[in-house]
Amino acid sequence: METNPHELRDLIRLALLEDIGDGDHSSLSSVPENAKNRAKLLVKQDGILAGVDVALIILEETAAYYNDPPLAIDVLLSDGTSVKSGDIVFTVAGNARLILKAERLVLNMMQRMSGIATYTNQMLKLIGDLPVKLLDTRKTTPNFRLFEKKAVKIGGAVNHRMGLYDMIMLKDNHVDYAGGIEAAITNARKYLERTGKNLKIEIETRNLNEVDEVLRIGQVDIIMLDNFSIEDMREAVKRIGGRFETEASGNINEKTIRAVAETGVTGISSGALTHQARSLDLSLKAF
């Protein structure tokens, strides 16, 4: 099966294949072929809802994959809605076997996405009154990045780069392998000129001396302040003086994010948005 890792439907088809394999033998063995039934997606925990649109595609793709008639779906709540335990997100009606085939993938997707949206929203509320963007990272689950970053956006934050291909980010290892900050930046600029690519350049700095060196060289778009103390971060922002965007990174959590935002950085990136979020409890129940 030829698939595109940037195409949501392709990823869903792979997930269906992973789960169903050569058949849902539980349903095939116990549920009559033409049985009709209904189910409701039930919220069992307060949070921010995410993945409704994805669930609709899953239900559509499941039917198409097995040449089944589509299910009748009644959507009651949309992505981004603040939900509470007991809420019904949508109902489905149609072939019982089809509902059962799609059930686990729908729940896995929506529980994970809703958990990320909920945690993102909680983090955002801590800095919502300040002029700073909350950014996600590449610390995502392999083959699930599209869904996790979609959930971050539903939660109110901003997607940073999607992968290695849509931005140049010169991290500490790039700098060390290149032979220093100036060499890394110079090489990156020459690469863009040579290839004709139009990509932003961000460079990670580890201390104020490295910030000063980047300011001397220039030729970047964003300066990352990685694992800086609050005092040094504030000083770095002062020295940069708005010449470049600034991104705070490292040890960003509920306890630290407010103080970081108050330093005046333009963006705060947090891998925790995707790798620390807990899934929201949902279930699909017959009724």
Protein backbone atom coordinates (compact mmCIF):
# COMPACT_ATOMS: atom_id res chain seq x y z
CA MET A 1 0.00 0.00 0.00
CA GLU A 2 1.55 3.31 -1.09
CA THR A 3 0.82 6.00 1.45
CA ASN A 4 1.57 9.66 2.05
CA PRO A 5 2.65 10.37 5.68
CA HIS A 6 1.25 13.88 5.32
CA GLU A 7 -2.20 12.70 4.21
CA LEU A 8 -4.66 12.13 7.01
CA ARG A 9 -6.80 9.62 5.12
CA ASP A 10 -3.80 7.47 4.27
CA LEU A 11 -2.83 7.30 7.93
CA ILE A 12 -6.38 6.34 8.87
CA ARG A 13 -6.42 3.53 6.30
CA LEU A 14 -3.16 2.17 7.73
CA ALA A 15 -4.62 2.33 11.23
CA LEU A 16 -7.69 0.39 10.09
CA LEU A 17 -5.48 -2.23 8.51
CA GLU A 18 -3.41 -2.48 11.69
CA ASP A 19 -6.51 -3.03 13.83
CA ILE A 20 -8.74 -5.17 11.63
CA GLY A 21 -6.22 -7.21 9.66
CA ASP A 22 -8.04 -10.01 7.84
CA GLY A 23 -11.29 -9.38 9.68
CA ASP A 24 -13.07 -8.43 12.90
CA HIS A 25 -13.62 -12.04 13.90
CA SER A 26 -15.38 -11.13 17.15
CA SER A 27 -18.13 -9.37 15.23
CA LEU A 28 -18.13 -11.78 12.30
CA SER A 29 -18.65 -14.68 14.66
CA SER A 30 -21.34 -13.19 16.88
CA VAL A 31 -23.26 -10.41 15.13
CA PRO A 32 -25.63 -11.18 12.21
CA GLU A 33 -24.41 -9.81 8.88
CA ASN A 34 -27.37 -7.52 8.29
CA ALA A 35 -27.95 -6.44 11.89
CA LYS A 36 -28.69 -2.74 12.32
CA ASN A 37 -27.91 -0.81 15.48
CA ARG A 38 -27.10 2.55 17.00
CA ALA A 39 -24.34 3.90 19.22
CA LYS A 40 -23.51 7.17 20.95
CA LEU A 41 -20.12 8.67 21.70
CA LEU A 42 -20.25 9.46 25.39
CA VAL A 43 -17.99 11.88 27.29
CA LYS A 44 -16.88 10.51 30.66
CA GLN A 45 -14.46 13.26 31.71
CA ASP A 46 -14.48 17.07 31.54
CA GLY A 47 -12.21 18.66 28.96
CA ILE A 48 -11.85 20.09 25.45
CA LEU A 49 -13.22 17.97 22.63
CA ALA A 50 -11.00 17.17 19.66
CA GLY A 51 -11.11 14.66 16.83
CA VAL A 52 -14.77 14.84 15.81
CA ASP A 53 -13.87 15.65 12.21
CA VAL A 54 -11.31 12.83 12.27
CA ALA A 55 -13.90 10.40 13.63
CA LEU A 56 -16.25 11.22 10.75
CA ILE A 57 -13.48 10.42 8.27
CA ILE A 58 -12.73 7.16 10.11
CA LEU A 59 -16.37 6.11 9.87
CA GLU A 60 -16.46 7.06 6.19
CA GLU A 61 -13.18 5.28 5.39
CA THR A 62 -14.21 2.15 7.30
CA ALA A 63 -17.36 1.86 5.24
CA ALA A 64 -15.49 2.51 2.00
CA TYR A 65 -12.71 0.06 2.86
CA TYR A 66 -15.19 -2.78 3.25
CA ASN A 67 -17.71 -1.60 0.62
CA ASP A 68 -20.36 -1.16 3.30
CA PRO A 69 -23.18 1.40 3.12
CA PRO A 70 -22.23 4.56 5.07
CA LEU A 71 -23.47 5.03 8.59
CA ALA A 72 -25.99 7.73 9.48
CA ILE A 73 -24.21 10.19 11.78
CA ASP A 74 -25.75 12.96 13.87
CA VAL A 75 -23.07 15.31 15.22
CA LEU A 76 -24.10 17.11 18.39
CA LEU A 77 -20.81 18.68 19.54
CA SER A 78 -17.88 19.99 17.48
CA ASP A 79 -14.12 20.19 17.91
CA GLY A 80 -12.98 22.78 20.44
CA THR A 81 -16.13 22.48 22.56
CA SER A 82 -15.72 22.45 26.32
CA VAL A 83 -17.39 19.21 27.39
CA LYS A 84 -18.39 17.61 30.67
CA SER A 85 -19.02 14.06 31.78
CA GLY A 86 -22.32 12.80 30.39
CA ASP A 87 -22.29 14.84 27.18
CA ILE A 88 -23.07 13.02 23.92
CA VAL A 89 -20.78 14.01 21.04
CA PHE A 90 -22.54 12.22 18.19
CA THR A 91 -24.71 9.23 17.40
CA VAL A 92 -24.25 6.68 14.63
CA ALA A 93 -26.74 4.27 13.13
CA GLY A 94 -26.41 1.51 10.56
CA ASN A 95 -24.71 -1.84 10.14
CA ALA A 96 -23.72 -3.16 13.55
CA ARG A 97 -20.56 -4.85 12.33
CA LEU A 98 -19.39 -1.62 10.71
CA ILE A 99 -19.89 0.31 13.96
CA LEU A 100 -17.84 -2.28 15.81
CA LYS A 101 -15.04 -2.21 13.21
CA ALA A 102 -14.61 1.54 13.60
CA GLU A 103 -15.21 1.76 17.35
CA ARG A 104 -11.68 1.38 18.73
CA LEU A 105 -9.97 3.58 16.16
CA VAL A 106 -12.52 6.35 16.72
CA LEU A 107 -12.00 6.16 20.47
CA ASN A 108 -8.21 5.93 20.30
CA MET A 109 -8.02 8.97 18.05
CA MET A 110 -10.54 11.10 19.92
CA GLN A 111 -9.35 10.23 23.41
CA ARG A 112 -5.74 11.08 22.55
CA MET A 113 -6.60 14.22 20.60
CA SER A 114 -9.03 15.47 23.26
CA GLY A 115 -6.43 14.90 25.96
CA ILE A 116 -3.89 17.00 24.05
CA ALA A 117 -6.42 19.75 23.34
CA THR A 118 -7.43 19.81 27.00
CA TYR A 119 -3.86 20.05 28.30
CA THR A 120 -2.95 22.65 25.67
CA ASN A 121 -5.92 24.75 26.67
CA GLN A 122 -4.98 24.52 30.35
CA MET A 123 -1.44 25.70 29.59
CA LEU A 124 -2.71 28.50 27.37
CA LYS A 125 -4.99 29.84 30.08
CA LEU A 126 -1.94 30.42 32.28
CA ILE A 127 -0.50 32.93 29.79
CA GLY A 128 -3.56 34.00 27.83
CA ASP A 129 -3.31 37.64 28.91
CA LEU A 130 0.27 38.00 27.67
CA PRO A 131 1.44 38.68 24.06
CA VAL A 132 3.20 35.35 23.58
CA LYS A 133 2.52 32.32 21.36
CA LEU A 134 2.38 28.80 22.76
CA LEU A 135 4.07 26.43 20.31
CA ASP A 136 4.22 22.67 19.93
CA THR A 137 7.31 20.64 18.93
CA ARG A 138 8.33 17.53 16.99
CA LYS A 139 8.09 15.45 20.18
CA THR A 140 5.13 13.54 18.81
CA THR A 141 4.09 9.91 18.40
CA PRO A 142 5.49 8.45 15.14
CA ASN A 143 2.81 8.27 12.41
CA PHE A 144 0.45 10.27 14.63
CA ARG A 145 1.92 13.76 14.26
CA LEU A 146 -0.83 15.13 12.02
CA PHE A 147 -3.47 14.24 14.58
CA GLU A 148 -1.50 15.46 17.60
CA LYS A 149 -0.68 18.79 15.99
CA LYS A 150 -4.29 19.17 14.90
CA ALA A 151 -5.29 18.65 18.53
CA VAL A 152 -2.79 21.27 19.72
CA LYS A 153 -4.35 23.78 17.34
CA ILE A 154 -7.86 22.89 18.51
CA GLY A 155 -6.64 23.52 22.07
CA GLY A 156 -5.67 27.06 21.05
CA ALA A 157 -1.89 26.88 20.57
CA VAL A 158 0.19 27.34 17.42
CA ASN A 159 1.77 24.60 15.33
CA HIS A 160 5.53 25.05 15.03
CA ARG A 161 7.34 23.24 12.21
CA MET A 162 5.68 20.03 11.08
CA GLY A 163 8.94 18.25 10.40
CA LEU A 164 12.53 18.58 9.31
CA TYR A 165 11.43 19.73 5.86
CA ASP A 166 9.59 23.01 6.46
CA MET A 167 12.11 25.03 8.50
CA ILE A 168 15.83 25.15 9.27
CA MET A 169 16.36 24.74 12.99
CA LEU A 170 20.00 24.72 13.99
CA LYS A 171 20.05 22.90 17.32
CA ASP A 172 23.07 22.42 19.57
CA ASN A 173 24.21 19.28 17.75
CA HIS A 174 23.98 21.01 14.37
CA VAL A 175 26.10 23.86 15.71
CA ASP A 176 28.67 21.50 17.20
CA TYR A 177 28.85 19.33 14.08
CA ALA A 178 29.13 22.39 11.82
CA GLY A 179 32.03 23.80 13.82
CA GLY A 180 30.30 26.62 15.64
CA ILE A 181 27.47 29.11 15.40
CA GLU A 182 28.93 31.21 12.59
CA ALA A 183 29.72 28.17 10.46
CA ALA A 184 26.23 26.72 11.01
CA ILE A 185 24.47 29.96 10.04
CA THR A 186 26.74 30.62 7.07
CA ASN A 187 26.29 27.09 5.77
CA ALA A 188 22.52 27.33 6.17
CA ARG A 189 22.36 30.62 4.25
CA LYS A 190 24.51 29.22 1.43
CA TYR A 191 22.27 26.15 1.29
CA LEU A 192 19.15 28.29 0.86
CA GLU A 193 20.82 30.34 -1.87
CA ARG A 194 22.01 27.21 -3.63
CA THR A 195 18.68 25.38 -3.50
CA GLY A 196 16.35 28.34 -3.89
CA LYS A 197 14.32 27.21 -0.90
CA ASN A 198 12.43 29.80 1.13
CA LEU A 199 12.75 28.56 4.70
CA LYS A 200 13.07 30.39 7.99
CA ILE A 201 16.22 29.82 10.01
CA GLU A 202 16.06 29.34 13.76
CA ILE A 203 19.13 28.80 15.90
CA GLU A 204 19.36 27.45 19.41
CA THR A 205 21.47 29.30 21.95
CA ARG A 206 22.59 27.86 25.28
CA ASN A 207 23.81 30.96 27.08
CA LEU A 208 24.14 34.73 26.78
CA ASN A 209 27.52 34.50 25.07
CA GLU A 210 25.93 32.49 22.26
CA VAL A 211 23.11 35.04 22.03
CA ASP A 212 25.70 37.78 21.59
CA GLU A 213 27.41 35.77 18.86
CA VAL A 214 24.16 35.29 16.96
CA LEU A 215 23.44 39.01 17.26
CA ARG A 216 26.86 39.75 15.78
CA ILE A 217 26.29 37.40 12.83
CA GLY A 218 22.59 37.96 12.21
CA GLN A 219 21.08 36.22 9.15
CA VAL A 220 18.53 34.24 11.19
CA ASP A 221 14.82 34.67 11.84
CA ILE A 222 14.36 33.20 15.31
CA ILE A 223 16.66 32.82 18.30
CA MET A 224 15.85 29.95 20.64
CA LEU A 225 16.72 30.42 24.30
CA ASP A 226 17.14 26.87 25.51
CA ASN A 227 17.05 26.08 29.23
CA PHE A 228 17.88 29.66 30.21
CA SER A 229 17.27 30.83 33.75
CA ILE A 230 14.49 33.41 34.04
CA GLU A 231 17.07 36.11 34.73
CA ASP A 232 19.20 35.21 31.71
CA MET A 233 16.14 34.88 29.50
CA ARG A 234 14.99 38.34 30.46
CA GLU A 235 18.47 39.70 29.75
CA ALA A 236 18.59 37.89 26.40
CA VAL A 237 15.27 39.39 25.33
CA LYS A 238 16.61 42.82 26.30
CA ARG A 239 19.79 42.34 24.26
CA ILE A 240 17.90 41.03 21.23
CA GLY A 241 15.66 44.08 21.43
CA GLY A 242 13.06 42.89 18.95
CA ARG A 243 15.57 42.34 16.12
CA PHE A 244 14.53 38.69 15.93
CA GLU A 245 11.70 36.52 17.17
CA THR A 246 12.55 34.70 20.37
CA GLU A 247 11.53 31.21 21.44
CA ALA A 248 11.86 29.92 24.99
CA SER A 249 12.39 26.18 25.25
CA GLY A 250 13.21 23.60 27.92
CA ASN A 251 11.48 22.66 31.16
CA ILE A 252 8.20 24.33 30.20
CA ASN A 253 5.35 23.13 32.39
CA GLU A 254 2.42 24.46 34.40
CA LYS A 255 4.72 25.73 37.14
CA THR A 256 7.21 27.54 34.90
CA ILE A 257 5.28 28.81 31.90
CA ARG A 258 3.96 32.03 33.46
CA ALA A 259 7.37 33.27 34.57
CA VAL A 260 8.83 32.41 31.16
CA ALA A 261 6.07 34.31 29.35
CA GLU A 262 6.67 37.36 31.52
CA THR A 263 10.27 37.66 30.24
CA GLY A 264 8.96 39.06 26.97
CA VAL A 265 9.75 36.17 24.61
CA THR A 266 7.57 36.03 21.51
CA GLY A 267 7.05 32.26 21.65
CA ILE A 268 7.22 29.39 24.11
CA SER A 269 7.63 25.84 22.81
CA SER A 270 6.59 22.89 24.93
CA GLY A 271 7.01 19.23 24.07
CA ALA A 272 4.78 18.50 27.04
CA LEU A 273 1.73 19.50 24.99
CA THR A 274 2.00 16.20 23.14
CA HIS A 275 4.16 13.88 25.24
CA GLN A 276 2.69 14.64 28.68
CA ALA A 277 -1.02 14.97 27.89
CA ARG A 278 -3.32 12.28 29.29
CA SER A 279 -6.12 10.90 27.15
CA LEU A 280 -9.66 12.09 27.84
CA ASP A 281 -12.07 9.32 28.82
CA LEU A 282 -14.67 8.64 26.11
CA SER A 283 -16.74 5.60 25.19
CA LEU A 284 -18.92 4.39 22.34
CA LYS A 285 -22.07 2.76 23.71
CA ALA A 286 -24.97 1.00 22.07
CA PHE A 287 -28.39 2.47 22.85
